[in-house]
Amino acid sequence: QKLSNTAREGARFASSLPTTDLDAIGTP
């Protein structure tokens, strides 16, 4: 249950982030 909440919060946060930096070399 804790891991499910953690993954959900990570995905929720990620959905609000821009995807414009994904073409960068290395980890954006």
mmCIF file of all heavy atoms, coordinates in Angstrom:
data_MODEL
# 
_entry.id   MODEL 
# 
loop_
_atom_site.group_PDB 
_atom_site.id 
_atom_site.type_symbol 
_atom_site.label_atom_id 
_atom_site.label_alt_id 
_atom_site.label_comp_id 
_atom_site.label_asym_id 
_atom_site.label_entity_id 
_atom_site.label_seq_id 
_atom_site.pdbx_PDB_ins_code 
_atom_site.Cartn_x 
_atom_site.Cartn_y 
_atom_site.Cartn_z 
_atom_site.occupancy 
_atom_site.B_iso_or_equiv 
_atom_site.pdbx_formal_charge 
_atom_site.auth_seq_id 
_atom_site.auth_comp_id 
_atom_site.auth_asym_id 
_atom_site.auth_atom_id 
_atom_site.pdbx_PDB_model_num 
ATOM 1   N N   . GLN A 1 1  ? 0.824  -1.207 0.000   1.00 0.00 ? 1  GLN A N   1 
ATOM 2   C CA  . GLN A 1 1  ? 0.000  0.000  0.000   1.00 0.00 ? 1  GLN A CA  1 
ATOM 3   C C   . GLN A 1 1  ? 0.861  1.261  0.000   1.00 0.00 ? 1  GLN A C   1 
ATOM 4   O O   . GLN A 1 1  ? 0.582  2.216  -0.728  1.00 0.00 ? 1  GLN A O   1 
ATOM 5   C CB  . GLN A 1 1  ? -0.954 0.007  1.204   1.00 0.00 ? 1  GLN A CB  1 
ATOM 6   C CG  . GLN A 1 1  ? -1.969 -1.100 1.195   1.00 0.00 ? 1  GLN A CG  1 
ATOM 7   C CD  . GLN A 1 1  ? -2.784 -1.115 -0.075  1.00 0.00 ? 1  GLN A CD  1 
ATOM 8   O OE1 . GLN A 1 1  ? -3.298 -0.110 -0.532  1.00 0.00 ? 1  GLN A OE1 1 
ATOM 9   N NE2 . GLN A 1 1  ? -2.873 -2.288 -0.695  1.00 0.00 ? 1  GLN A NE2 1 
ATOM 10  N N   . LYS A 1 2  ? 1.913  1.273  0.811   1.00 0.00 ? 2  LYS A N   1 
ATOM 11  C CA  . LYS A 1 2  ? 2.821  2.428  0.843   1.00 0.00 ? 2  LYS A CA  1 
ATOM 12  C C   . LYS A 1 2  ? 3.510  2.623  -0.504  1.00 0.00 ? 2  LYS A C   1 
ATOM 13  O O   . LYS A 1 2  ? 3.650  3.751  -0.982  1.00 0.00 ? 2  LYS A O   1 
ATOM 14  C CB  . LYS A 1 2  ? 3.875  2.247  1.939   1.00 0.00 ? 2  LYS A CB  1 
ATOM 15  C CG  . LYS A 1 2  ? 3.337  2.404  3.341   1.00 0.00 ? 2  LYS A CG  1 
ATOM 16  C CD  . LYS A 1 2  ? 4.454  2.201  4.355   1.00 0.00 ? 2  LYS A CD  1 
ATOM 17  C CE  . LYS A 1 2  ? 3.969  2.331  5.771   1.00 0.00 ? 2  LYS A CE  1 
ATOM 18  N NZ  . LYS A 1 2  ? 5.057  2.113  6.740   1.00 0.00 ? 2  LYS A NZ  1 
ATOM 19  N N   . LEU A 1 3  ? 3.943  1.529  -1.121  1.00 0.00 ? 3  LEU A N   1 
ATOM 20  C CA  . LEU A 1 3  ? 4.600  1.628  -2.423  1.00 0.00 ? 3  LEU A CA  1 
ATOM 21  C C   . LEU A 1 3  ? 3.637  2.100  -3.505  1.00 0.00 ? 3  LEU A C   1 
ATOM 22  O O   . LEU A 1 3  ? 4.012  2.878  -4.386  1.00 0.00 ? 3  LEU A O   1 
ATOM 23  C CB  . LEU A 1 3  ? 5.213  0.284  -2.818  1.00 0.00 ? 3  LEU A CB  1 
ATOM 24  C CG  . LEU A 1 3  ? 6.400  -0.177 -1.977  1.00 0.00 ? 3  LEU A CG  1 
ATOM 25  C CD1 . LEU A 1 3  ? 6.810  -1.593 -2.367  1.00 0.00 ? 3  LEU A CD1 1 
ATOM 26  C CD2 . LEU A 1 3  ? 7.575  0.775  -2.128  1.00 0.00 ? 3  LEU A CD2 1 
ATOM 27  N N   . SER A 1 4  ? 2.389  1.646  -3.447  1.00 0.00 ? 4  SER A N   1 
ATOM 28  C CA  . SER A 1 4  ? 1.384  2.106  -4.412  1.00 0.00 ? 4  SER A CA  1 
ATOM 29  C C   . SER A 1 4  ? 1.150  3.606  -4.277  1.00 0.00 ? 4  SER A C   1 
ATOM 30  O O   . SER A 1 4  ? 1.060  4.324  -5.282  1.00 0.00 ? 4  SER A O   1 
ATOM 31  C CB  . SER A 1 4  ? 0.060  1.357  -4.220  1.00 0.00 ? 4  SER A CB  1 
ATOM 32  O OG  . SER A 1 4  ? 0.216  0.002  -4.540  1.00 0.00 ? 4  SER A OG  1 
ATOM 33  N N   . ASN A 1 5  ? 1.067  4.082  -3.043  1.00 0.00 ? 5  ASN A N   1 
ATOM 34  C CA  . ASN A 1 5  ? 0.901  5.526  -2.822  1.00 0.00 ? 5  ASN A CA  1 
ATOM 35  C C   . ASN A 1 5  ? 2.115  6.297  -3.323  1.00 0.00 ? 5  ASN A C   1 
ATOM 36  O O   . ASN A 1 5  ? 1.977  7.376  -3.912  1.00 0.00 ? 5  ASN A O   1 
ATOM 37  C CB  . ASN A 1 5  ? 0.664  5.825  -1.337  1.00 0.00 ? 5  ASN A CB  1 
ATOM 38  C CG  . ASN A 1 5  ? -0.684 5.353  -0.869  1.00 0.00 ? 5  ASN A CG  1 
ATOM 39  O OD1 . ASN A 1 5  ? -1.604 5.170  -1.657  1.00 0.00 ? 5  ASN A OD1 1 
ATOM 40  N ND2 . ASN A 1 5  ? -0.815 5.131  0.425   1.00 0.00 ? 5  ASN A ND2 1 
ATOM 41  N N   . THR A 1 6  ? 3.306  5.772  -3.106  1.00 0.00 ? 6  THR A N   1 
ATOM 42  C CA  . THR A 1 6  ? 4.532  6.426  -3.556  1.00 0.00 ? 6  THR A CA  1 
ATOM 43  C C   . THR A 1 6  ? 4.574  6.506  -5.078  1.00 0.00 ? 6  THR A C   1 
ATOM 44  O O   . THR A 1 6  ? 4.886  7.566  -5.635  1.00 0.00 ? 6  THR A O   1 
ATOM 45  C CB  . THR A 1 6  ? 5.764  5.671  -3.018  1.00 0.00 ? 6  THR A CB  1 
ATOM 46  O OG1 . THR A 1 6  ? 5.726  5.695  -1.589  1.00 0.00 ? 6  THR A OG1 1 
ATOM 47  C CG2 . THR A 1 6  ? 7.053  6.284  -3.510  1.00 0.00 ? 6  THR A CG2 1 
ATOM 48  N N   . ALA A 1 7  ? 4.265  5.415  -5.761  1.00 0.00 ? 7  ALA A N   1 
ATOM 49  C CA  . ALA A 1 7  ? 4.255  5.417  -7.227  1.00 0.00 ? 7  ALA A CA  1 
ATOM 50  C C   . ALA A 1 7  ? 3.196  6.378  -7.753  1.00 0.00 ? 7  ALA A C   1 
ATOM 51  O O   . ALA A 1 7  ? 3.432  7.112  -8.715  1.00 0.00 ? 7  ALA A O   1 
ATOM 52  C CB  . ALA A 1 7  ? 4.012  4.004  -7.759  1.00 0.00 ? 7  ALA A CB  1 
ATOM 53  N N   . ARG A 1 8  ? 2.030  6.403  -7.117  1.00 0.00 ? 8  ARG A N   1 
ATOM 54  C CA  . ARG A 1 8  ? 0.953  7.298  -7.542  1.00 0.00 ? 8  ARG A CA  1 
ATOM 55  C C   . ARG A 1 8  ? 1.358  8.763  -7.392  1.00 0.00 ? 8  ARG A C   1 
ATOM 56  O O   . ARG A 1 8  ? 1.125  9.582  -8.278  1.00 0.00 ? 8  ARG A O   1 
ATOM 57  C CB  . ARG A 1 8  ? -0.317 6.987  -6.742  1.00 0.00 ? 8  ARG A CB  1 
ATOM 58  C CG  . ARG A 1 8  ? -1.538 7.672  -7.250  1.00 0.00 ? 8  ARG A CG  1 
ATOM 59  C CD  . ARG A 1 8  ? -2.841 7.220  -6.594  1.00 0.00 ? 8  ARG A CD  1 
ATOM 60  N NE  . ARG A 1 8  ? -2.756 6.787  -5.226  1.00 0.00 ? 8  ARG A NE  1 
ATOM 61  C CZ  . ARG A 1 8  ? -2.814 5.511  -4.822  1.00 0.00 ? 8  ARG A CZ  1 
ATOM 62  N NH1 . ARG A 1 8  ? -2.946 4.543  -5.705  1.00 0.00 ? 8  ARG A NH1 1 
ATOM 63  N NH2 . ARG A 1 8  ? -2.753 5.205  -3.546  1.00 0.00 ? 8  ARG A NH2 1 
ATOM 64  N N   . GLU A 1 9  ? 1.998  9.092  -6.260  1.00 0.00 ? 9  GLU A N   1 
ATOM 65  C CA  . GLU A 1 9  ? 2.453  10.470 -6.057  1.00 0.00 ? 9  GLU A CA  1 
ATOM 66  C C   . GLU A 1 9  ? 3.532  10.840 -7.065  1.00 0.00 ? 9  GLU A C   1 
ATOM 67  O O   . GLU A 1 9  ? 3.563  11.970 -7.565  1.00 0.00 ? 9  GLU A O   1 
ATOM 68  C CB  . GLU A 1 9  ? 2.964  10.669 -4.632  1.00 0.00 ? 9  GLU A CB  1 
ATOM 69  C CG  . GLU A 1 9  ? 1.861  10.709 -3.595  1.00 0.00 ? 9  GLU A CG  1 
ATOM 70  C CD  . GLU A 1 9  ? 0.860  11.824 -3.843  1.00 0.00 ? 9  GLU A CD  1 
ATOM 71  O OE1 . GLU A 1 9  ? 1.280  12.962 -4.140  1.00 0.00 ? 9  GLU A OE1 1 
ATOM 72  O OE2 . GLU A 1 9  ? -0.350 11.563 -3.744  1.00 0.00 ? 9  GLU A OE2 1 
ATOM 73  N N   . GLY A 1 10 ? 4.428  9.913  -7.368  1.00 0.00 ? 10 GLY A N   1 
ATOM 74  C CA  . GLY A 1 10 ? 5.466  10.169 -8.372  1.00 0.00 ? 10 GLY A CA  1 
ATOM 75  C C   . GLY A 1 10 ? 4.870  10.410 -9.749  1.00 0.00 ? 10 GLY A C   1 
ATOM 76  O O   . GLY A 1 10 ? 5.282  11.335 -10.461 1.00 0.00 ? 10 GLY A O   1 
ATOM 77  N N   . ALA A 1 11 ? 3.900  9.602  -10.142 1.00 0.00 ? 11 ALA A N   1 
ATOM 78  C CA  . ALA A 1 11 ? 3.262  9.764  -11.456 1.00 0.00 ? 11 ALA A CA  1 
ATOM 79  C C   . ALA A 1 11 ? 2.438  11.048 -11.504 1.00 0.00 ? 11 ALA A C   1 
ATOM 80  O O   . ALA A 1 11 ? 2.431  11.749 -12.525 1.00 0.00 ? 11 ALA A O   1 
ATOM 81  C CB  . ALA A 1 11 ? 2.388  8.557  -11.765 1.00 0.00 ? 11 ALA A CB  1 
ATOM 82  N N   . ARG A 1 12 ? 1.765  11.360 -10.413 1.00 0.00 ? 12 ARG A N   1 
ATOM 83  C CA  . ARG A 1 12 ? 0.973  12.595 -10.359 1.00 0.00 ? 12 ARG A CA  1 
ATOM 84  C C   . ARG A 1 12 ? 1.882  13.818 -10.502 1.00 0.00 ? 12 ARG A C   1 
ATOM 85  O O   . ARG A 1 12 ? 1.582  14.746 -11.256 1.00 0.00 ? 12 ARG A O   1 
ATOM 86  C CB  . ARG A 1 12 ? 0.192  12.657 -9.047  1.00 0.00 ? 12 ARG A CB  1 
ATOM 87  C CG  . ARG A 1 12 ? -0.778 13.809 -8.980  1.00 0.00 ? 12 ARG A CG  1 
ATOM 88  C CD  . ARG A 1 12 ? -1.602 13.775 -7.697  1.00 0.00 ? 12 ARG A CD  1 
ATOM 89  N NE  . ARG A 1 12 ? -2.411 12.578 -7.659  1.00 0.00 ? 12 ARG A NE  1 
ATOM 90  C CZ  . ARG A 1 12 ? -2.617 11.834 -6.571  1.00 0.00 ? 12 ARG A CZ  1 
ATOM 91  N NH1 . ARG A 1 12 ? -2.071 12.174 -5.428  1.00 0.00 ? 12 ARG A NH1 1 
ATOM 92  N NH2 . ARG A 1 12 ? -3.359 10.770 -6.621  1.00 0.00 ? 12 ARG A NH2 1 
ATOM 93  N N   . PHE A 1 13 ? 2.990  13.809 -9.792  1.00 0.00 ? 13 PHE A N   1 
ATOM 94  C CA  . PHE A 1 13 ? 3.963  14.903 -9.878  1.00 0.00 ? 13 PHE A CA  1 
ATOM 95  C C   . PHE A 1 13 ? 4.546  14.978 -11.287 1.00 0.00 ? 13 PHE A C   1 
ATOM 96  O O   . PHE A 1 13 ? 4.672  16.056 -11.872 1.00 0.00 ? 13 PHE A O   1 
ATOM 97  C CB  . PHE A 1 13 ? 5.065  14.698 -8.832  1.00 0.00 ? 13 PHE A CB  1 
ATOM 98  C CG  . PHE A 1 13 ? 6.173  15.705 -8.898  1.00 0.00 ? 13 PHE A CG  1 
ATOM 99  C CD1 . PHE A 1 13 ? 5.945  17.033 -8.595  1.00 0.00 ? 13 PHE A CD1 1 
ATOM 100 C CD2 . PHE A 1 13 ? 7.451  15.315 -9.261  1.00 0.00 ? 13 PHE A CD2 1 
ATOM 101 C CE1 . PHE A 1 13 ? 6.971  17.965 -8.654  1.00 0.00 ? 13 PHE A CE1 1 
ATOM 102 C CE2 . PHE A 1 13 ? 8.485  16.221 -9.316  1.00 0.00 ? 13 PHE A CE2 1 
ATOM 103 C CZ  . PHE A 1 13 ? 8.245  17.562 -9.016  1.00 0.00 ? 13 PHE A CZ  1 
ATOM 104 N N   . ALA A 1 14 ? 4.900  13.844 -11.862 1.00 0.00 ? 14 ALA A N   1 
ATOM 105 C CA  . ALA A 1 14 ? 5.511  13.801 -13.193 1.00 0.00 ? 14 ALA A CA  1 
ATOM 106 C C   . ALA A 1 14 ? 4.565  14.321 -14.267 1.00 0.00 ? 14 ALA A C   1 
ATOM 107 O O   . ALA A 1 14 ? 5.006  14.958 -15.231 1.00 0.00 ? 14 ALA A O   1 
ATOM 108 C CB  . ALA A 1 14 ? 5.937  12.382 -13.528 1.00 0.00 ? 14 ALA A CB  1 
ATOM 109 N N   . SER A 1 15 ? 3.280  14.086 -14.110 1.00 0.00 ? 15 SER A N   1 
ATOM 110 C CA  . SER A 1 15 ? 2.325  14.522 -15.128 1.00 0.00 ? 15 SER A CA  1 
ATOM 111 C C   . SER A 1 15 ? 2.256  16.040 -15.238 1.00 0.00 ? 15 SER A C   1 
ATOM 112 O O   . SER A 1 15 ? 1.892  16.573 -16.282 1.00 0.00 ? 15 SER A O   1 
ATOM 113 C CB  . SER A 1 15 ? 0.932  13.959 -14.828 1.00 0.00 ? 15 SER A CB  1 
ATOM 114 O OG  . SER A 1 15 ? 0.368  14.610 -13.704 1.00 0.00 ? 15 SER A OG  1 
ATOM 115 N N   . SER A 1 16 ? 2.644  16.734 -14.177 1.00 0.00 ? 16 SER A N   1 
ATOM 116 C CA  . SER A 1 16 ? 2.598  18.196 -14.200 1.00 0.00 ? 16 SER A CA  1 
ATOM 117 C C   . SER A 1 16 ? 3.907  18.814 -14.680 1.00 0.00 ? 16 SER A C   1 
ATOM 118 O O   . SER A 1 16 ? 3.978  20.019 -14.903 1.00 0.00 ? 16 SER A O   1 
ATOM 119 C CB  . SER A 1 16 ? 2.261  18.728 -12.803 1.00 0.00 ? 16 SER A CB  1 
ATOM 120 O OG  . SER A 1 16 ? 3.327  18.446 -11.910 1.00 0.00 ? 16 SER A OG  1 
ATOM 121 N N   . LEU A 1 17 ? 4.943  18.003 -14.844 1.00 0.00 ? 17 LEU A N   1 
ATOM 122 C CA  . LEU A 1 17 ? 6.242  18.520 -15.278 1.00 0.00 ? 17 LEU A CA  1 
ATOM 123 C C   . LEU A 1 17 ? 6.301  18.641 -16.799 1.00 0.00 ? 17 LEU A C   1 
ATOM 124 O O   . LEU A 1 17 ? 5.685  17.849 -17.523 1.00 0.00 ? 17 LEU A O   1 
ATOM 125 C CB  . LEU A 1 17 ? 7.365  17.594 -14.795 1.00 0.00 ? 17 LEU A CB  1 
ATOM 126 C CG  . LEU A 1 17 ? 7.558  17.497 -13.285 1.00 0.00 ? 17 LEU A CG  1 
ATOM 127 C CD1 . LEU A 1 17 ? 8.639  16.472 -12.965 1.00 0.00 ? 17 LEU A CD1 1 
ATOM 128 C CD2 . LEU A 1 17 ? 7.929  18.847 -12.697 1.00 0.00 ? 17 LEU A CD2 1 
ATOM 129 N N   . PRO A 1 18 ? 7.073  19.604 -17.299 1.00 0.00 ? 18 PRO A N   1 
ATOM 130 C CA  . PRO A 1 18 ? 7.202  19.738 -18.752 1.00 0.00 ? 18 PRO A CA  1 
ATOM 131 C C   . PRO A 1 18 ? 8.017  18.577 -19.328 1.00 0.00 ? 18 PRO A C   1 
ATOM 132 O O   . PRO A 1 18 ? 8.844  17.982 -18.653 1.00 0.00 ? 18 PRO A O   1 
ATOM 133 C CB  . PRO A 1 18 ? 7.962  21.061 -18.915 1.00 0.00 ? 18 PRO A CB  1 
ATOM 134 C CG  . PRO A 1 18 ? 8.708  21.228 -17.638 1.00 0.00 ? 18 PRO A CG  1 
ATOM 135 C CD  . PRO A 1 18 ? 7.853  20.594 -16.569 1.00 0.00 ? 18 PRO A CD  1 
ATOM 136 N N   . THR A 1 19 ? 7.753  18.293 -20.589 1.00 0.00 ? 19 THR A N   1 
ATOM 137 C CA  . THR A 1 19 ? 8.505  17.242 -21.283 1.00 0.00 ? 19 THR A CA  1 
ATOM 138 C C   . THR A 1 19 ? 9.522  17.843 -22.248 1.00 0.00 ? 19 THR A C   1 
ATOM 139 O O   . THR A 1 19 ? 10.122 17.125 -23.034 1.00 0.00 ? 19 THR A O   1 
ATOM 140 C CB  . THR A 1 19 ? 7.542  16.318 -22.056 1.00 0.00 ? 19 THR A CB  1 
ATOM 141 O OG1 . THR A 1 19 ? 6.770  17.107 -22.955 1.00 0.00 ? 19 THR A OG1 1 
ATOM 142 C CG2 . THR A 1 19 ? 6.642  15.554 -21.106 1.00 0.00 ? 19 THR A CG2 1 
ATOM 143 N N   . THR A 1 20 ? 9.721  19.158 -22.163 1.00 0.00 ? 20 THR A N   1 
ATOM 144 C CA  . THR A 1 20 ? 10.639 19.829 -23.089 1.00 0.00 ? 20 THR A CA  1 
ATOM 145 C C   . THR A 1 20 ? 12.098 19.480 -22.831 1.00 0.00 ? 20 THR A C   1 
ATOM 146 O O   . THR A 1 20 ? 12.925 19.647 -23.717 1.00 0.00 ? 20 THR A O   1 
ATOM 147 C CB  . THR A 1 20 ? 10.455 21.356 -23.002 1.00 0.00 ? 20 THR A CB  1 
ATOM 148 O OG1 . THR A 1 20 ? 10.627 21.764 -21.631 1.00 0.00 ? 20 THR A OG1 1 
ATOM 149 C CG2 . THR A 1 20 ? 9.074  21.757 -23.482 1.00 0.00 ? 20 THR A CG2 1 
ATOM 150 N N   . ASP A 1 21 ? 12.423 19.010 -21.642 1.00 0.00 ? 21 ASP A N   1 
ATOM 151 C CA  . ASP A 1 21 ? 13.824 18.690 -21.341 1.00 0.00 ? 21 ASP A CA  1 
ATOM 152 C C   . ASP A 1 21 ? 14.184 17.230 -21.616 1.00 0.00 ? 21 ASP A C   1 
ATOM 153 O O   . ASP A 1 21 ? 15.303 16.802 -21.357 1.00 0.00 ? 21 ASP A O   1 
ATOM 154 C CB  . ASP A 1 21 ? 14.147 19.037 -19.888 1.00 0.00 ? 21 ASP A CB  1 
ATOM 155 C CG  . ASP A 1 21 ? 13.402 18.166 -18.892 1.00 0.00 ? 21 ASP A CG  1 
ATOM 156 O OD1 . ASP A 1 21 ? 12.432 17.477 -19.298 1.00 0.00 ? 21 ASP A OD1 1 
ATOM 157 O OD2 . ASP A 1 21 ? 13.768 18.175 -17.708 1.00 0.00 ? 21 ASP A OD2 1 
ATOM 158 N N   . LEU A 1 22 ? 13.266 16.444 -22.164 1.00 0.00 ? 22 LEU A N   1 
ATOM 159 C CA  . LEU A 1 22 ? 13.506 15.010 -22.342 1.00 0.00 ? 22 LEU A CA  1 
ATOM 160 C C   . LEU A 1 22 ? 14.502 14.697 -23.452 1.00 0.00 ? 22 LEU A C   1 
ATOM 161 O O   . LEU A 1 22 ? 15.033 13.591 -23.511 1.00 0.00 ? 22 LEU A O   1 
ATOM 162 C CB  . LEU A 1 22 ? 12.191 14.280 -22.599 1.00 0.00 ? 22 LEU A CB  1 
ATOM 163 C CG  . LEU A 1 22 ? 11.177 14.337 -21.452 1.00 0.00 ? 22 LEU A CG  1 
ATOM 164 C CD1 . LEU A 1 22 ? 9.919  13.569 -21.829 1.00 0.00 ? 22 LEU A CD1 1 
ATOM 165 C CD2 . LEU A 1 22 ? 11.770 13.808 -20.158 1.00 0.00 ? 22 LEU A CD2 1 
ATOM 166 N N   . ASP A 1 23 ? 14.767 15.656 -24.345 1.00 0.00 ? 23 ASP A N   1 
ATOM 167 C CA  . ASP A 1 23 ? 15.717 15.423 -25.419 1.00 0.00 ? 23 ASP A CA  1 
ATOM 168 C C   . ASP A 1 23 ? 17.156 15.664 -24.982 1.00 0.00 ? 23 ASP A C   1 
ATOM 169 O O   . ASP A 1 23 ? 18.084 15.454 -25.755 1.00 0.00 ? 23 ASP A O   1 
ATOM 170 C CB  . ASP A 1 23 ? 15.397 16.336 -26.616 1.00 0.00 ? 23 ASP A CB  1 
ATOM 171 C CG  . ASP A 1 23 ? 14.106 15.915 -27.293 1.00 0.00 ? 23 ASP A CG  1 
ATOM 172 O OD1 . ASP A 1 23 ? 13.740 14.726 -27.189 1.00 0.00 ? 23 ASP A OD1 1 
ATOM 173 O OD2 . ASP A 1 23 ? 13.457 16.769 -27.914 1.00 0.00 ? 23 ASP A OD2 1 
ATOM 174 N N   . ALA A 1 24 ? 17.353 16.085 -23.740 1.00 0.00 ? 24 ALA A N   1 
ATOM 175 C CA  . ALA A 1 24 ? 18.698 16.392 -23.248 1.00 0.00 ? 24 ALA A CA  1 
ATOM 176 C C   . ALA A 1 24 ? 19.525 15.120 -23.139 1.00 0.00 ? 24 ALA A C   1 
ATOM 177 O O   . ALA A 1 24 ? 19.007 14.021 -22.943 1.00 0.00 ? 24 ALA A O   1 
ATOM 178 C CB  . ALA A 1 24 ? 18.604 17.066 -21.883 1.00 0.00 ? 24 ALA A CB  1 
ATOM 179 N N   . ILE A 1 25 ? 20.843 15.295 -23.261 1.00 0.00 ? 25 ILE A N   1 
ATOM 180 C CA  . ILE A 1 25 ? 21.757 14.170 -23.075 1.00 0.00 ? 25 ILE A CA  1 
ATOM 181 C C   . ILE A 1 25 ? 21.880 13.914 -21.579 1.00 0.00 ? 25 ILE A C   1 
ATOM 182 O O   . ILE A 1 25 ? 21.998 14.839 -20.776 1.00 0.00 ? 25 ILE A O   1 
ATOM 183 C CB  . ILE A 1 25 ? 23.134 14.485 -23.696 1.00 0.00 ? 25 ILE A CB  1 
ATOM 184 C CG1 . ILE A 1 25 ? 22.970 14.646 -25.201 1.00 0.00 ? 25 ILE A CG1 1 
ATOM 185 C CG2 . ILE A 1 25 ? 24.139 13.392 -23.366 1.00 0.00 ? 25 ILE A CG2 1 
ATOM 186 C CD1 . ILE A 1 25 ? 24.222 15.082 -25.908 1.00 0.00 ? 25 ILE A CD1 1 
ATOM 187 N N   . GLY A 1 26 ? 21.863 12.666 -21.197 1.00 0.00 ? 26 GLY A N   1 
ATOM 188 C CA  . GLY A 1 26 ? 21.906 12.333 -19.782 1.00 0.00 ? 26 GLY A CA  1 
ATOM 189 C C   . GLY A 1 26 ? 20.499 12.282 -19.200 1.00 0.00 ? 26 GLY A C   1 
ATOM 190 O O   . GLY A 1 26 ? 19.514 12.175 -19.920 1.00 0.00 ? 26 GLY A O   1 
ATOM 191 N N   . THR A 1 27 ? 20.426 12.386 -17.898 1.00 0.00 ? 27 THR A N   1 
ATOM 192 C CA  . THR A 1 27 ? 19.129 12.334 -17.225 1.00 0.00 ? 27 THR A CA  1 
ATOM 193 C C   . THR A 1 27 ? 18.572 13.752 -17.096 1.00 0.00 ? 27 THR A C   1 
ATOM 194 O O   . THR A 1 27 ? 19.214 14.609 -16.497 1.00 0.00 ? 27 THR A O   1 
ATOM 195 C CB  . THR A 1 27 ? 19.266 11.697 -15.831 1.00 0.00 ? 27 THR A CB  1 
ATOM 196 O OG1 . THR A 1 27 ? 19.863 10.406 -15.979 1.00 0.00 ? 27 THR A OG1 1 
ATOM 197 C CG2 . THR A 1 27 ? 17.912 11.546 -15.174 1.00 0.00 ? 27 THR A CG2 1 
ATOM 198 N N   . PRO A 1 28 ? 17.385 14.008 -17.655 1.00 0.00 ? 28 PRO A N   1 
ATOM 199 C CA  . PRO A 1 28 ? 16.800 15.347 -17.580 1.00 0.00 ? 28 PRO A CA  1 
ATOM 200 C C   . PRO A 1 28 ? 16.466 15.737 -16.135 1.00 0.00 ? 28 PRO A C   1 
ATOM 201 O O   . PRO A 1 28 ? 16.167 14.869 -15.301 1.00 0.00 ? 28 PRO A O   1 
ATOM 202 C CB  . PRO A 1 28 ? 15.530 15.237 -18.407 1.00 0.00 ? 28 PRO A CB  1 
ATOM 203 C CG  . PRO A 1 28 ? 15.641 13.971 -19.164 1.00 0.00 ? 28 PRO A CG  1 
ATOM 204 C CD  . PRO A 1 28 ? 16.575 13.092 -18.424 1.00 0.00 ? 28 PRO A CD  1 
# 
